[in-house]
N, C-alpha and C. Protein backbone atom coordinates (compact mmCIF):
# COMPACT_ATOMS: atom_id res chain seq x y z
N MET A 1 0.84 -1.19 0.00
CA MET A 1 0.00 0.00 0.00
C MET A 1 0.88 1.24 0.00
N THR A 2 0.53 2.23 -0.78
CA THR A 2 1.38 3.39 -0.92
C THR A 2 0.66 4.69 -0.64
N SER A 3 -0.46 4.65 0.09
CA SER A 3 -1.20 5.86 0.39
C SER A 3 -0.36 6.79 1.26
N PRO A 4 -0.49 8.12 1.06
CA PRO A 4 0.26 9.05 1.91
C PRO A 4 -0.29 9.05 3.31
N LEU A 5 0.53 9.49 4.25
CA LEU A 5 0.07 9.61 5.62
C LEU A 5 -0.85 10.80 5.76
N PRO A 6 -1.74 10.78 6.75
CA PRO A 6 -2.64 11.90 6.97
C PRO A 6 -1.90 13.12 7.48
N SER A 7 -2.45 14.29 7.22
CA SER A 7 -1.82 15.51 7.71
C SER A 7 -2.02 15.68 9.20
N SER A 8 -3.08 15.12 9.73
CA SER A 8 -3.34 15.21 11.17
C SER A 8 -2.72 14.03 11.88
N PRO A 9 -2.06 14.22 13.03
CA PRO A 9 -1.40 13.12 13.72
C PRO A 9 -2.34 12.16 14.39
N HIS A 10 -3.60 12.53 14.54
CA HIS A 10 -4.47 11.59 15.25
C HIS A 10 -5.87 11.50 14.68
N ALA A 11 -6.15 12.21 13.60
CA ALA A 11 -7.46 12.10 12.99
C ALA A 11 -7.40 11.05 11.91
N SER A 12 -8.12 9.95 12.08
CA SER A 12 -8.09 8.88 11.10
C SER A 12 -9.49 8.38 10.86
N THR A 13 -9.92 8.38 9.62
CA THR A 13 -11.22 7.87 9.24
C THR A 13 -11.01 6.86 8.15
N PRO A 14 -12.05 6.07 7.78
CA PRO A 14 -11.87 5.09 6.73
C PRO A 14 -11.36 5.70 5.42
N SER A 15 -11.63 7.01 5.17
CA SER A 15 -11.20 7.63 3.93
C SER A 15 -9.86 8.35 4.09
N THR A 16 -9.32 8.37 5.30
CA THR A 16 -8.05 9.05 5.55
C THR A 16 -6.99 8.02 5.90
N PRO A 17 -6.01 7.80 5.02
CA PRO A 17 -5.00 6.77 5.29
C PRO A 17 -4.15 7.13 6.49
N SER A 18 -3.59 6.12 7.13
CA SER A 18 -2.74 6.33 8.29
C SER A 18 -1.56 5.38 8.22
N VAL A 19 -0.65 5.52 9.14
CA VAL A 19 0.50 4.63 9.18
C VAL A 19 0.07 3.18 9.37
N LEU A 20 -1.08 2.96 10.01
CA LEU A 20 -1.56 1.60 10.22
C LEU A 20 -1.98 0.93 8.93
N ASP A 21 -2.18 1.71 7.87
CA ASP A 21 -2.70 1.17 6.62
C ASP A 21 -1.65 1.08 5.50
N LEU A 22 -0.41 1.42 5.78
CA LEU A 22 0.61 1.41 4.74
C LEU A 22 0.99 0.00 4.31
N ALA A 23 1.06 -0.92 5.26
CA ALA A 23 1.44 -2.30 4.98
C ALA A 23 1.04 -3.14 6.19
N PRO A 24 0.89 -4.45 6.01
CA PRO A 24 0.50 -5.29 7.16
C PRO A 24 1.56 -5.37 8.24
N VAL A 25 2.82 -5.12 7.86
CA VAL A 25 3.92 -5.23 8.81
C VAL A 25 4.79 -3.97 8.75
N VAL A 26 5.13 -3.44 9.91
CA VAL A 26 6.08 -2.34 10.02
C VAL A 26 7.39 -2.91 10.56
N PRO A 27 8.45 -2.93 9.78
CA PRO A 27 9.73 -3.42 10.28
C PRO A 27 10.25 -2.54 11.41
N VAL A 28 10.66 -3.16 12.49
CA VAL A 28 11.25 -2.44 13.62
C VAL A 28 12.76 -2.62 13.51
N VAL A 29 13.46 -1.53 13.17
CA VAL A 29 14.86 -1.60 12.77
C VAL A 29 15.77 -0.99 13.83
N VAL A 30 16.82 -1.71 14.19
CA VAL A 30 17.88 -1.19 15.05
C VAL A 30 19.13 -1.06 14.18
N VAL A 31 19.58 0.17 13.97
CA VAL A 31 20.74 0.42 13.11
C VAL A 31 21.98 0.64 13.97
N ASP A 32 22.92 -0.29 13.88
CA ASP A 32 24.18 -0.16 14.61
C ASP A 32 25.25 0.52 13.76
N ASP A 33 25.25 0.23 12.47
CA ASP A 33 26.22 0.79 11.53
C ASP A 33 25.47 1.70 10.57
N LEU A 34 25.79 2.98 10.58
CA LEU A 34 25.08 3.94 9.74
C LEU A 34 25.14 3.54 8.27
N GLY A 35 26.20 2.88 7.86
CA GLY A 35 26.32 2.47 6.46
C GLY A 35 25.28 1.45 6.03
N ASP A 36 24.65 0.79 7.00
CA ASP A 36 23.63 -0.20 6.67
C ASP A 36 22.24 0.42 6.45
N ALA A 37 22.05 1.64 6.92
CA ALA A 37 20.70 2.21 6.95
C ALA A 37 20.05 2.28 5.58
N VAL A 38 20.73 2.87 4.61
CA VAL A 38 20.12 3.07 3.29
C VAL A 38 19.91 1.75 2.55
N PRO A 39 20.92 0.87 2.43
CA PRO A 39 20.66 -0.39 1.72
C PRO A 39 19.62 -1.27 2.40
N LEU A 40 19.57 -1.24 3.72
CA LEU A 40 18.56 -2.00 4.44
C LEU A 40 17.17 -1.46 4.13
N ALA A 41 17.02 -0.15 4.18
CA ALA A 41 15.72 0.47 3.88
C ALA A 41 15.31 0.20 2.44
N ARG A 42 16.27 0.26 1.52
CA ARG A 42 15.95 -0.01 0.11
C ARG A 42 15.43 -1.44 -0.07
N ALA A 43 16.05 -2.38 0.65
CA ALA A 43 15.61 -3.77 0.56
C ALA A 43 14.19 -3.94 1.11
N LEU A 44 13.90 -3.26 2.20
CA LEU A 44 12.56 -3.37 2.80
C LEU A 44 11.50 -2.76 1.88
N VAL A 45 11.80 -1.60 1.31
CA VAL A 45 10.85 -0.95 0.40
C VAL A 45 10.65 -1.80 -0.85
N ALA A 46 11.74 -2.35 -1.39
CA ALA A 46 11.63 -3.21 -2.58
C ALA A 46 10.79 -4.44 -2.29
N GLY A 47 10.82 -4.89 -1.05
CA GLY A 47 10.03 -6.05 -0.67
C GLY A 47 8.58 -5.73 -0.34
N GLY A 48 8.21 -4.45 -0.37
CA GLY A 48 6.81 -4.07 -0.15
C GLY A 48 6.49 -3.57 1.23
N LEU A 49 7.52 -3.21 2.02
CA LEU A 49 7.29 -2.68 3.36
C LEU A 49 7.81 -1.24 3.43
N PRO A 50 6.99 -0.26 3.05
CA PRO A 50 7.46 1.13 2.98
C PRO A 50 7.59 1.82 4.33
N ALA A 51 6.76 1.45 5.31
CA ALA A 51 6.80 2.08 6.63
C ALA A 51 7.89 1.41 7.46
N ILE A 52 8.92 2.17 7.82
CA ILE A 52 10.08 1.61 8.52
C ILE A 52 10.29 2.37 9.82
N GLU A 53 10.22 1.65 10.93
CA GLU A 53 10.42 2.25 12.25
C GLU A 53 11.87 2.06 12.68
N VAL A 54 12.63 3.14 12.72
CA VAL A 54 14.01 3.09 13.20
C VAL A 54 14.00 3.44 14.68
N THR A 55 14.41 2.50 15.51
CA THR A 55 14.34 2.72 16.95
C THR A 55 15.51 3.56 17.44
N LEU A 56 15.25 4.38 18.44
CA LEU A 56 16.29 5.25 18.99
C LEU A 56 17.07 4.52 20.08
N ARG A 57 17.68 3.41 19.69
CA ARG A 57 18.41 2.58 20.65
C ARG A 57 19.91 2.60 20.42
N THR A 58 20.34 3.30 19.37
CA THR A 58 21.76 3.36 19.06
C THR A 58 22.17 4.81 18.80
N PRO A 59 23.45 5.12 18.92
CA PRO A 59 23.90 6.50 18.72
C PRO A 59 23.67 7.03 17.31
N VAL A 60 23.55 6.13 16.32
CA VAL A 60 23.42 6.59 14.93
C VAL A 60 21.98 6.62 14.45
N ALA A 61 21.03 6.38 15.34
CA ALA A 61 19.63 6.25 14.92
C ALA A 61 19.10 7.49 14.22
N VAL A 62 19.34 8.67 14.78
CA VAL A 62 18.81 9.89 14.16
C VAL A 62 19.46 10.12 12.80
N ASP A 63 20.74 9.86 12.69
CA ASP A 63 21.42 10.00 11.40
C ASP A 63 20.89 8.97 10.40
N ALA A 64 20.54 7.79 10.89
CA ALA A 64 19.97 6.77 10.00
C ALA A 64 18.63 7.22 9.45
N ILE A 65 17.81 7.82 10.31
CA ILE A 65 16.53 8.36 9.85
C ILE A 65 16.74 9.42 8.78
N ARG A 66 17.70 10.29 9.03
CA ARG A 66 18.00 11.36 8.06
C ARG A 66 18.45 10.77 6.72
N ALA A 67 19.29 9.77 6.77
CA ALA A 67 19.80 9.15 5.54
C ALA A 67 18.68 8.47 4.76
N ILE A 68 17.85 7.73 5.46
CA ILE A 68 16.75 7.03 4.79
C ILE A 68 15.76 8.02 4.19
N ALA A 69 15.44 9.06 4.95
CA ALA A 69 14.50 10.07 4.47
C ALA A 69 15.02 10.76 3.22
N GLY A 70 16.33 10.95 3.14
CA GLY A 70 16.90 11.68 2.03
C GLY A 70 17.29 10.84 0.83
N GLU A 71 17.48 9.53 1.04
CA GLU A 71 18.07 8.72 -0.02
C GLU A 71 17.25 7.52 -0.46
N VAL A 72 16.11 7.26 0.17
CA VAL A 72 15.33 6.07 -0.20
C VAL A 72 13.93 6.48 -0.64
N PRO A 73 13.73 6.69 -1.93
CA PRO A 73 12.40 7.01 -2.43
C PRO A 73 11.41 5.90 -2.09
N GLY A 74 10.24 6.27 -1.68
CA GLY A 74 9.22 5.28 -1.35
C GLY A 74 9.21 4.89 0.11
N ALA A 75 10.26 5.21 0.84
CA ALA A 75 10.30 4.87 2.26
C ALA A 75 9.51 5.89 3.07
N VAL A 76 8.74 5.40 4.01
CA VAL A 76 8.07 6.25 4.99
C VAL A 76 8.74 5.95 6.32
N VAL A 77 9.79 6.69 6.61
CA VAL A 77 10.61 6.37 7.77
C VAL A 77 10.05 7.05 9.02
N GLY A 78 10.00 6.28 10.10
CA GLY A 78 9.53 6.80 11.37
C GLY A 78 10.54 6.51 12.46
N ALA A 79 10.29 7.05 13.63
CA ALA A 79 11.17 6.85 14.78
C ALA A 79 10.45 6.07 15.86
N GLY A 80 11.13 5.06 16.40
CA GLY A 80 10.56 4.29 17.49
C GLY A 80 11.34 4.49 18.77
N THR A 81 10.80 3.98 19.87
CA THR A 81 11.37 4.16 21.20
C THR A 81 11.54 5.64 21.52
N VAL A 82 10.57 6.44 21.09
CA VAL A 82 10.57 7.88 21.39
C VAL A 82 10.00 8.07 22.79
N ILE A 83 10.79 8.65 23.70
CA ILE A 83 10.32 8.77 25.09
C ILE A 83 10.47 10.17 25.67
N THR A 84 11.03 11.11 24.90
CA THR A 84 11.18 12.47 25.42
C THR A 84 10.78 13.50 24.36
N PRO A 85 10.32 14.68 24.78
CA PRO A 85 10.01 15.74 23.82
C PRO A 85 11.22 16.13 22.98
N GLY A 86 12.42 16.08 23.56
CA GLY A 86 13.61 16.40 22.81
C GLY A 86 13.84 15.45 21.65
N GLN A 87 13.57 14.17 21.88
CA GLN A 87 13.71 13.20 20.81
C GLN A 87 12.69 13.46 19.70
N VAL A 88 11.48 13.84 20.09
CA VAL A 88 10.46 14.16 19.09
C VAL A 88 10.98 15.24 18.15
N GLU A 89 11.53 16.30 18.72
CA GLU A 89 12.04 17.41 17.92
C GLU A 89 13.19 16.96 17.02
N ASP A 90 14.10 16.16 17.57
CA ASP A 90 15.27 15.73 16.81
C ASP A 90 14.89 14.88 15.61
N VAL A 91 14.00 13.91 15.82
CA VAL A 91 13.69 12.97 14.74
C VAL A 91 12.82 13.62 13.66
N VAL A 92 11.93 14.50 14.06
CA VAL A 92 11.11 15.19 13.05
C VAL A 92 12.00 16.08 12.19
N ARG A 93 12.96 16.75 12.83
CA ARG A 93 13.90 17.57 12.08
C ARG A 93 14.72 16.71 11.11
N ALA A 94 14.99 15.47 11.50
CA ALA A 94 15.77 14.57 10.66
C ALA A 94 14.97 13.98 9.51
N GLY A 95 13.64 14.12 9.56
CA GLY A 95 12.82 13.62 8.48
C GLY A 95 11.85 12.51 8.83
N ALA A 96 11.72 12.18 10.12
CA ALA A 96 10.77 11.15 10.53
C ALA A 96 9.35 11.56 10.17
N ARG A 97 8.60 10.63 9.59
CA ARG A 97 7.23 10.91 9.16
C ARG A 97 6.18 10.29 10.07
N PHE A 98 6.62 9.54 11.07
CA PHE A 98 5.72 9.08 12.12
C PHE A 98 6.55 8.78 13.36
N LEU A 99 5.87 8.74 14.51
CA LEU A 99 6.53 8.53 15.79
C LEU A 99 5.88 7.34 16.50
N VAL A 100 6.69 6.56 17.18
CA VAL A 100 6.19 5.42 17.96
C VAL A 100 6.85 5.45 19.33
N SER A 101 6.06 5.31 20.38
CA SER A 101 6.60 5.29 21.73
C SER A 101 6.20 3.99 22.42
N PRO A 102 7.03 3.50 23.35
CA PRO A 102 6.68 2.29 24.09
C PRO A 102 5.61 2.53 25.15
N GLY A 103 5.44 3.79 25.54
CA GLY A 103 4.44 4.20 26.52
C GLY A 103 4.19 5.68 26.33
N TRP A 104 3.43 6.28 27.25
CA TRP A 104 3.17 7.70 27.06
C TRP A 104 2.91 8.38 28.39
N THR A 105 3.16 9.69 28.40
CA THR A 105 2.76 10.58 29.48
C THR A 105 2.10 11.78 28.82
N ASP A 106 1.45 12.62 29.59
CA ASP A 106 0.83 13.80 28.99
C ASP A 106 1.87 14.73 28.37
N VAL A 107 3.05 14.81 28.98
CA VAL A 107 4.11 15.65 28.42
C VAL A 107 4.57 15.12 27.06
N LEU A 108 4.83 13.82 26.99
CA LEU A 108 5.26 13.22 25.73
C LEU A 108 4.15 13.30 24.69
N LEU A 109 2.93 13.05 25.11
CA LEU A 109 1.80 13.10 24.18
C LEU A 109 1.66 14.49 23.58
N ALA A 110 1.83 15.53 24.40
CA ALA A 110 1.72 16.90 23.90
C ALA A 110 2.81 17.17 22.86
N ALA A 111 4.01 16.67 23.11
CA ALA A 111 5.09 16.87 22.15
C ALA A 111 4.82 16.15 20.84
N MET A 112 4.33 14.92 20.92
CA MET A 112 4.04 14.16 19.71
C MET A 112 2.88 14.80 18.95
N ARG A 113 1.87 15.25 19.68
CA ARG A 113 0.72 15.89 19.03
C ARG A 113 1.15 17.18 18.33
N GLY A 114 2.07 17.90 18.95
CA GLY A 114 2.52 19.16 18.38
C GLY A 114 3.53 19.02 17.26
N SER A 115 3.99 17.79 17.01
CA SER A 115 5.03 17.58 16.00
C SER A 115 4.52 17.73 14.58
N GLY A 116 3.23 17.53 14.38
CA GLY A 116 2.66 17.61 13.05
C GLY A 116 2.74 16.34 12.24
N VAL A 117 3.26 15.26 12.84
CA VAL A 117 3.31 13.97 12.14
C VAL A 117 2.50 12.94 12.92
N PRO A 118 2.04 11.88 12.25
CA PRO A 118 1.28 10.83 12.95
C PRO A 118 2.10 10.18 14.05
N PHE A 119 1.42 9.71 15.07
CA PHE A 119 2.14 9.06 16.17
C PHE A 119 1.31 7.91 16.73
N LEU A 120 2.04 6.94 17.29
CA LEU A 120 1.42 5.78 17.92
C LEU A 120 1.96 5.67 19.34
N PRO A 121 1.23 6.20 20.33
CA PRO A 121 1.67 6.05 21.72
C PRO A 121 1.45 4.62 22.20
N GLY A 122 2.37 4.14 23.02
CA GLY A 122 2.29 2.76 23.47
C GLY A 122 1.35 2.56 24.65
N VAL A 123 0.60 1.44 24.60
CA VAL A 123 -0.31 1.07 25.69
C VAL A 123 -0.18 -0.42 25.96
N SER A 124 -0.51 -0.80 27.20
CA SER A 124 -0.58 -2.23 27.52
C SER A 124 -1.73 -2.55 28.46
N THR A 125 -2.52 -1.52 28.83
CA THR A 125 -3.66 -1.74 29.72
C THR A 125 -4.90 -1.04 29.18
N THR A 126 -6.05 -1.52 29.63
CA THR A 126 -7.32 -0.92 29.22
C THR A 126 -7.41 0.53 29.66
N SER A 127 -6.94 0.84 30.87
CA SER A 127 -7.01 2.20 31.37
C SER A 127 -6.22 3.16 30.50
N GLU A 128 -5.06 2.71 30.03
CA GLU A 128 -4.26 3.55 29.14
C GLU A 128 -4.99 3.82 27.83
N VAL A 129 -5.66 2.81 27.31
CA VAL A 129 -6.43 2.98 26.07
C VAL A 129 -7.54 4.00 26.27
N VAL A 130 -8.29 3.85 27.36
CA VAL A 130 -9.39 4.78 27.65
C VAL A 130 -8.86 6.19 27.83
N ALA A 131 -7.74 6.33 28.51
CA ALA A 131 -7.16 7.66 28.73
C ALA A 131 -6.78 8.33 27.40
N LEU A 132 -6.24 7.55 26.48
CA LEU A 132 -5.90 8.12 25.17
C LEU A 132 -7.15 8.46 24.37
N LEU A 133 -8.16 7.62 24.45
CA LEU A 133 -9.41 7.93 23.75
C LEU A 133 -10.01 9.23 24.27
N GLU A 134 -9.91 9.46 25.58
CA GLU A 134 -10.38 10.72 26.17
C GLU A 134 -9.64 11.92 25.57
N ARG A 135 -8.40 11.70 25.20
CA ARG A 135 -7.55 12.77 24.67
C ARG A 135 -7.62 12.86 23.14
N GLY A 136 -8.52 12.11 22.54
CA GLY A 136 -8.73 12.19 21.10
C GLY A 136 -7.80 11.34 20.26
N VAL A 137 -7.07 10.41 20.88
CA VAL A 137 -6.14 9.55 20.16
C VAL A 137 -6.78 8.18 19.98
N ARG A 138 -6.86 7.73 18.74
CA ARG A 138 -7.53 6.46 18.45
C ARG A 138 -6.57 5.37 17.96
N GLU A 139 -5.37 5.76 17.54
CA GLU A 139 -4.41 4.80 17.01
C GLU A 139 -3.23 4.67 17.96
N MET A 140 -2.89 3.43 18.32
CA MET A 140 -1.93 3.19 19.38
C MET A 140 -1.04 1.99 19.07
N LYS A 141 0.09 1.95 19.74
CA LYS A 141 0.95 0.78 19.71
C LYS A 141 0.60 -0.08 20.92
N PHE A 142 0.41 -1.38 20.72
CA PHE A 142 0.17 -2.30 21.83
C PHE A 142 1.48 -3.00 22.11
N PHE A 143 2.07 -2.70 23.28
CA PHE A 143 3.42 -3.17 23.59
C PHE A 143 3.59 -3.44 25.07
N PRO A 144 4.31 -4.49 25.45
CA PRO A 144 4.85 -5.56 24.61
C PRO A 144 3.76 -6.59 24.31
N ALA A 145 3.44 -6.78 23.07
CA ALA A 145 2.23 -7.49 22.66
C ALA A 145 2.09 -8.88 23.28
N GLU A 146 3.05 -9.73 23.06
CA GLU A 146 2.92 -11.10 23.56
C GLU A 146 2.92 -11.14 25.08
N ALA A 147 3.80 -10.38 25.71
CA ALA A 147 3.89 -10.37 27.16
C ALA A 147 2.66 -9.75 27.82
N ALA A 148 1.99 -8.84 27.10
CA ALA A 148 0.83 -8.13 27.68
C ALA A 148 -0.50 -8.82 27.42
N GLY A 149 -0.50 -9.97 26.81
CA GLY A 149 -1.75 -10.71 26.62
C GLY A 149 -2.05 -11.10 25.19
N GLY A 150 -1.28 -10.58 24.25
CA GLY A 150 -1.39 -11.01 22.86
C GLY A 150 -2.77 -10.84 22.24
N THR A 151 -3.09 -11.75 21.35
CA THR A 151 -4.36 -11.67 20.62
C THR A 151 -5.56 -11.81 21.54
N THR A 152 -5.42 -12.59 22.59
CA THR A 152 -6.54 -12.77 23.52
C THR A 152 -6.93 -11.45 24.17
N TYR A 153 -5.94 -10.68 24.56
CA TYR A 153 -6.20 -9.38 25.20
C TYR A 153 -6.81 -8.41 24.20
N LEU A 154 -6.24 -8.32 23.01
CA LEU A 154 -6.76 -7.39 22.02
C LEU A 154 -8.18 -7.75 21.59
N LYS A 155 -8.44 -9.04 21.49
CA LYS A 155 -9.79 -9.48 21.13
C LYS A 155 -10.79 -9.05 22.19
N ALA A 156 -10.38 -9.08 23.46
CA ALA A 156 -11.26 -8.68 24.55
C ALA A 156 -11.53 -7.18 24.52
N LEU A 157 -10.59 -6.39 23.98
CA LEU A 157 -10.78 -4.93 23.91
C LEU A 157 -11.70 -4.51 22.77
N ALA A 158 -11.84 -5.35 21.76
CA ALA A 158 -12.53 -4.94 20.54
C ALA A 158 -13.99 -4.58 20.77
N ALA A 159 -14.69 -5.34 21.60
CA ALA A 159 -16.12 -5.07 21.80
C ALA A 159 -16.39 -3.80 22.60
N PRO A 160 -15.76 -3.61 23.78
CA PRO A 160 -16.05 -2.39 24.54
C PRO A 160 -15.38 -1.13 24.00
N LEU A 161 -14.28 -1.31 23.23
CA LEU A 161 -13.52 -0.14 22.75
C LEU A 161 -13.25 -0.27 21.25
N PRO A 162 -14.31 -0.35 20.44
CA PRO A 162 -14.12 -0.59 19.00
C PRO A 162 -13.45 0.57 18.27
N GLN A 163 -13.47 1.76 18.89
CA GLN A 163 -12.89 2.93 18.22
C GLN A 163 -11.36 2.94 18.27
N ALA A 164 -10.76 2.10 19.09
CA ALA A 164 -9.29 2.06 19.20
C ALA A 164 -8.72 1.08 18.18
N ARG A 165 -7.63 1.51 17.51
CA ARG A 165 -6.93 0.64 16.56
C ARG A 165 -5.47 0.52 17.02
N PHE A 166 -4.88 -0.65 16.74
CA PHE A 166 -3.57 -0.94 17.30
C PHE A 166 -2.57 -1.44 16.27
N CYS A 167 -1.30 -1.17 16.59
CA CYS A 167 -0.17 -1.83 15.95
C CYS A 167 0.54 -2.62 17.04
N PRO A 168 0.24 -3.91 17.20
CA PRO A 168 0.91 -4.71 18.22
C PRO A 168 2.37 -4.94 17.84
N THR A 169 3.25 -4.83 18.83
CA THR A 169 4.67 -5.04 18.63
C THR A 169 5.26 -5.69 19.87
N GLY A 170 6.17 -6.63 19.66
CA GLY A 170 6.83 -7.27 20.78
C GLY A 170 6.59 -8.76 20.80
N GLY A 171 7.54 -9.52 20.31
CA GLY A 171 7.42 -10.97 20.32
C GLY A 171 6.63 -11.56 19.19
N ILE A 172 6.29 -10.77 18.18
CA ILE A 172 5.47 -11.25 17.06
C ILE A 172 6.38 -11.73 15.94
N GLY A 173 6.02 -12.87 15.33
CA GLY A 173 6.78 -13.43 14.23
C GLY A 173 5.87 -13.80 13.09
N PRO A 174 6.40 -14.40 12.04
CA PRO A 174 5.58 -14.72 10.87
C PRO A 174 4.46 -15.72 11.15
N ALA A 175 4.64 -16.57 12.16
CA ALA A 175 3.60 -17.54 12.49
C ALA A 175 2.43 -16.90 13.23
N SER A 176 2.72 -15.94 14.11
CA SER A 176 1.66 -15.33 14.91
C SER A 176 1.06 -14.08 14.28
N ALA A 177 1.79 -13.45 13.35
CA ALA A 177 1.30 -12.20 12.75
C ALA A 177 -0.09 -12.33 12.14
N PRO A 178 -0.40 -13.40 11.38
CA PRO A 178 -1.74 -13.50 10.81
C PRO A 178 -2.86 -13.53 11.85
N GLU A 179 -2.58 -14.09 13.04
CA GLU A 179 -3.60 -14.11 14.09
C GLU A 179 -3.91 -12.70 14.57
N TYR A 180 -2.88 -11.87 14.66
CA TYR A 180 -3.10 -10.47 15.04
C TYR A 180 -3.84 -9.73 13.93
N LEU A 181 -3.41 -9.93 12.69
CA LEU A 181 -3.99 -9.21 11.57
C LEU A 181 -5.44 -9.59 11.31
N ALA A 182 -5.86 -10.73 11.85
CA ALA A 182 -7.26 -11.15 11.70
C ALA A 182 -8.20 -10.37 12.62
N LEU A 183 -7.66 -9.69 13.62
CA LEU A 183 -8.49 -8.97 14.58
C LEU A 183 -9.00 -7.66 13.99
N PRO A 184 -10.25 -7.29 14.28
CA PRO A 184 -10.81 -6.08 13.69
C PRO A 184 -10.17 -4.79 14.17
N ASN A 185 -9.52 -4.82 15.33
CA ASN A 185 -8.92 -3.60 15.87
C ASN A 185 -7.41 -3.53 15.65
N VAL A 186 -6.88 -4.37 14.77
CA VAL A 186 -5.46 -4.35 14.44
C VAL A 186 -5.29 -3.89 12.99
N GLY A 187 -4.50 -2.82 12.81
CA GLY A 187 -4.26 -2.32 11.47
C GLY A 187 -3.00 -2.90 10.85
N CYS A 188 -1.99 -3.16 11.68
CA CYS A 188 -0.73 -3.74 11.22
C CYS A 188 -0.01 -4.27 12.46
N VAL A 189 1.09 -4.94 12.24
CA VAL A 189 1.92 -5.41 13.35
C VAL A 189 3.34 -4.91 13.14
N GLY A 190 4.08 -4.80 14.23
CA GLY A 190 5.49 -4.44 14.15
C GLY A 190 6.34 -5.66 14.45
N GLY A 191 7.46 -5.78 13.77
CA GLY A 191 8.33 -6.92 14.02
C GLY A 191 9.66 -6.75 13.35
N SER A 192 10.58 -7.65 13.66
CA SER A 192 11.94 -7.56 13.11
C SER A 192 12.40 -8.88 12.51
N TRP A 193 11.51 -9.84 12.34
CA TRP A 193 11.93 -11.15 11.86
C TRP A 193 12.43 -11.10 10.41
N MET A 194 12.03 -10.07 9.66
CA MET A 194 12.50 -9.97 8.27
C MET A 194 13.89 -9.30 8.17
N ILE A 195 14.46 -8.99 9.34
CA ILE A 195 15.78 -8.37 9.38
C ILE A 195 16.69 -9.21 10.28
N PRO A 196 17.00 -10.44 9.90
CA PRO A 196 17.86 -11.28 10.75
C PRO A 196 19.22 -10.64 10.96
N LYS A 197 19.74 -10.77 12.17
CA LYS A 197 21.03 -10.16 12.48
C LYS A 197 22.15 -10.67 11.57
N ASP A 198 22.10 -11.96 11.24
CA ASP A 198 23.17 -12.48 10.40
C ASP A 198 23.07 -11.96 8.97
N ALA A 199 21.85 -11.68 8.52
CA ALA A 199 21.69 -11.12 7.17
C ALA A 199 22.24 -9.69 7.12
N VAL A 200 21.97 -8.92 8.17
CA VAL A 200 22.49 -7.55 8.22
C VAL A 200 24.02 -7.58 8.35
N ALA A 201 24.53 -8.45 9.21
CA ALA A 201 25.98 -8.54 9.40
C ALA A 201 26.68 -8.91 8.10
N GLY A 202 26.03 -9.79 7.31
CA GLY A 202 26.60 -10.21 6.04
C GLY A 202 26.18 -9.34 4.87
N ARG A 203 25.40 -8.28 5.17
CA ARG A 203 24.88 -7.38 4.14
C ARG A 203 24.20 -8.15 3.01
N ASP A 204 23.40 -9.12 3.44
CA ASP A 204 22.64 -9.94 2.49
C ASP A 204 21.29 -9.27 2.26
N TRP A 205 21.31 -8.19 1.49
CA TRP A 205 20.09 -7.40 1.29
C TRP A 205 19.07 -8.14 0.44
N GLU A 206 19.50 -9.08 -0.40
CA GLU A 206 18.54 -9.88 -1.17
C GLU A 206 17.69 -10.75 -0.25
N ARG A 207 18.32 -11.28 0.78
CA ARG A 207 17.57 -12.09 1.74
C ARG A 207 16.57 -11.22 2.50
N VAL A 208 17.00 -10.02 2.90
CA VAL A 208 16.09 -9.10 3.59
C VAL A 208 14.91 -8.76 2.69
N GLU A 209 15.18 -8.49 1.43
CA GLU A 209 14.09 -8.17 0.49
C GLU A 209 13.12 -9.33 0.35
N ARG A 210 13.66 -10.55 0.27
CA ARG A 210 12.78 -11.72 0.14
C ARG A 210 11.91 -11.90 1.38
N LEU A 211 12.50 -11.74 2.55
CA LEU A 211 11.73 -11.89 3.79
C LEU A 211 10.71 -10.76 3.93
N ALA A 212 11.08 -9.56 3.47
CA ALA A 212 10.14 -8.43 3.50
C ALA A 212 8.96 -8.71 2.58
N ARG A 213 9.23 -9.28 1.41
CA ARG A 213 8.14 -9.58 0.48
C ARG A 213 7.18 -10.61 1.07
N GLU A 214 7.73 -11.59 1.77
CA GLU A 214 6.87 -12.58 2.43
C GLU A 214 6.03 -11.93 3.51
N ALA A 215 6.64 -11.01 4.26
CA ALA A 215 5.90 -10.32 5.32
C ALA A 215 4.83 -9.42 4.74
N ALA A 216 5.13 -8.78 3.61
CA ALA A 216 4.16 -7.88 2.98
C ALA A 216 2.92 -8.62 2.49
N GLY A 217 3.05 -9.93 2.28
CA GLY A 217 1.92 -10.71 1.83
C GLY A 217 1.08 -11.30 2.94
N LEU A 218 1.48 -11.06 4.18
CA LEU A 218 0.75 -11.63 5.31
C LEU A 218 -0.58 -10.92 5.56
N SER A 219 -1.55 -11.71 5.95
CA SER A 219 -2.82 -11.19 6.46
C SER A 219 -3.45 -12.32 7.25
N ALA A 220 -4.72 -12.17 7.60
CA ALA A 220 -5.40 -13.23 8.35
C ALA A 220 -5.28 -14.54 7.62
N GLY A 221 -4.83 -15.57 8.34
CA GLY A 221 -4.71 -16.88 7.74
C GLY A 221 -3.46 -17.06 6.90
N GLY A 222 -2.61 -16.00 6.85
CA GLY A 222 -1.38 -16.10 6.10
C GLY A 222 -1.55 -15.83 4.62
N THR A 223 -2.72 -15.39 4.17
CA THR A 223 -2.94 -15.11 2.77
C THR A 223 -2.64 -13.66 2.46
N CYS A 224 -2.51 -13.34 1.18
CA CYS A 224 -2.19 -11.96 0.78
C CYS A 224 -3.40 -11.06 0.98
N ARG A 225 -3.11 -9.84 1.39
CA ARG A 225 -4.16 -8.87 1.58
C ARG A 225 -4.62 -8.32 0.24
């Protein structure tokens, strides 16, 4: 899917595309070597996964976002593990087109809302979901997905809170992803199984592209969307 992201960071309707609708899987990328950022992103985009979450877990993460934003046509690069307002400012300046946090506070939420780009604040409890809905946020990251209850938990949220949509991340692989994608309140899943450490270490970008293509074809039951 290649629809542009919405101009509003939290207004999403069936006619307004969002980061949750770009592809069934959002690769969660940890860049240790800045030289890997662009070829890795190119492989993911070629495989059909345009939305790429670069996590702020390494010293080169912001530079990696900048490089991907400037050198990889078709990539919709975002920043993950965003936990401070300062990080929000840094990554948006570098070219991040969406933000993902493992959790949220009102201070962080205000910074993400004011950034002008879509964001997915992290939740793992019903109370957190309700609190975000009160604040006008309907799209969220469910993290850590498997540890927090997985598909069973999300399925239980669907009936009382149908207005909330999620990108579950944490412990999800190609075998479990279709179960998540079958849920009505899941727009996509986050994962890193298409970026094996040995493939990155060996700069085997063809393998990454092949795994990305397989992930891009996932949906409920493992069939293509």
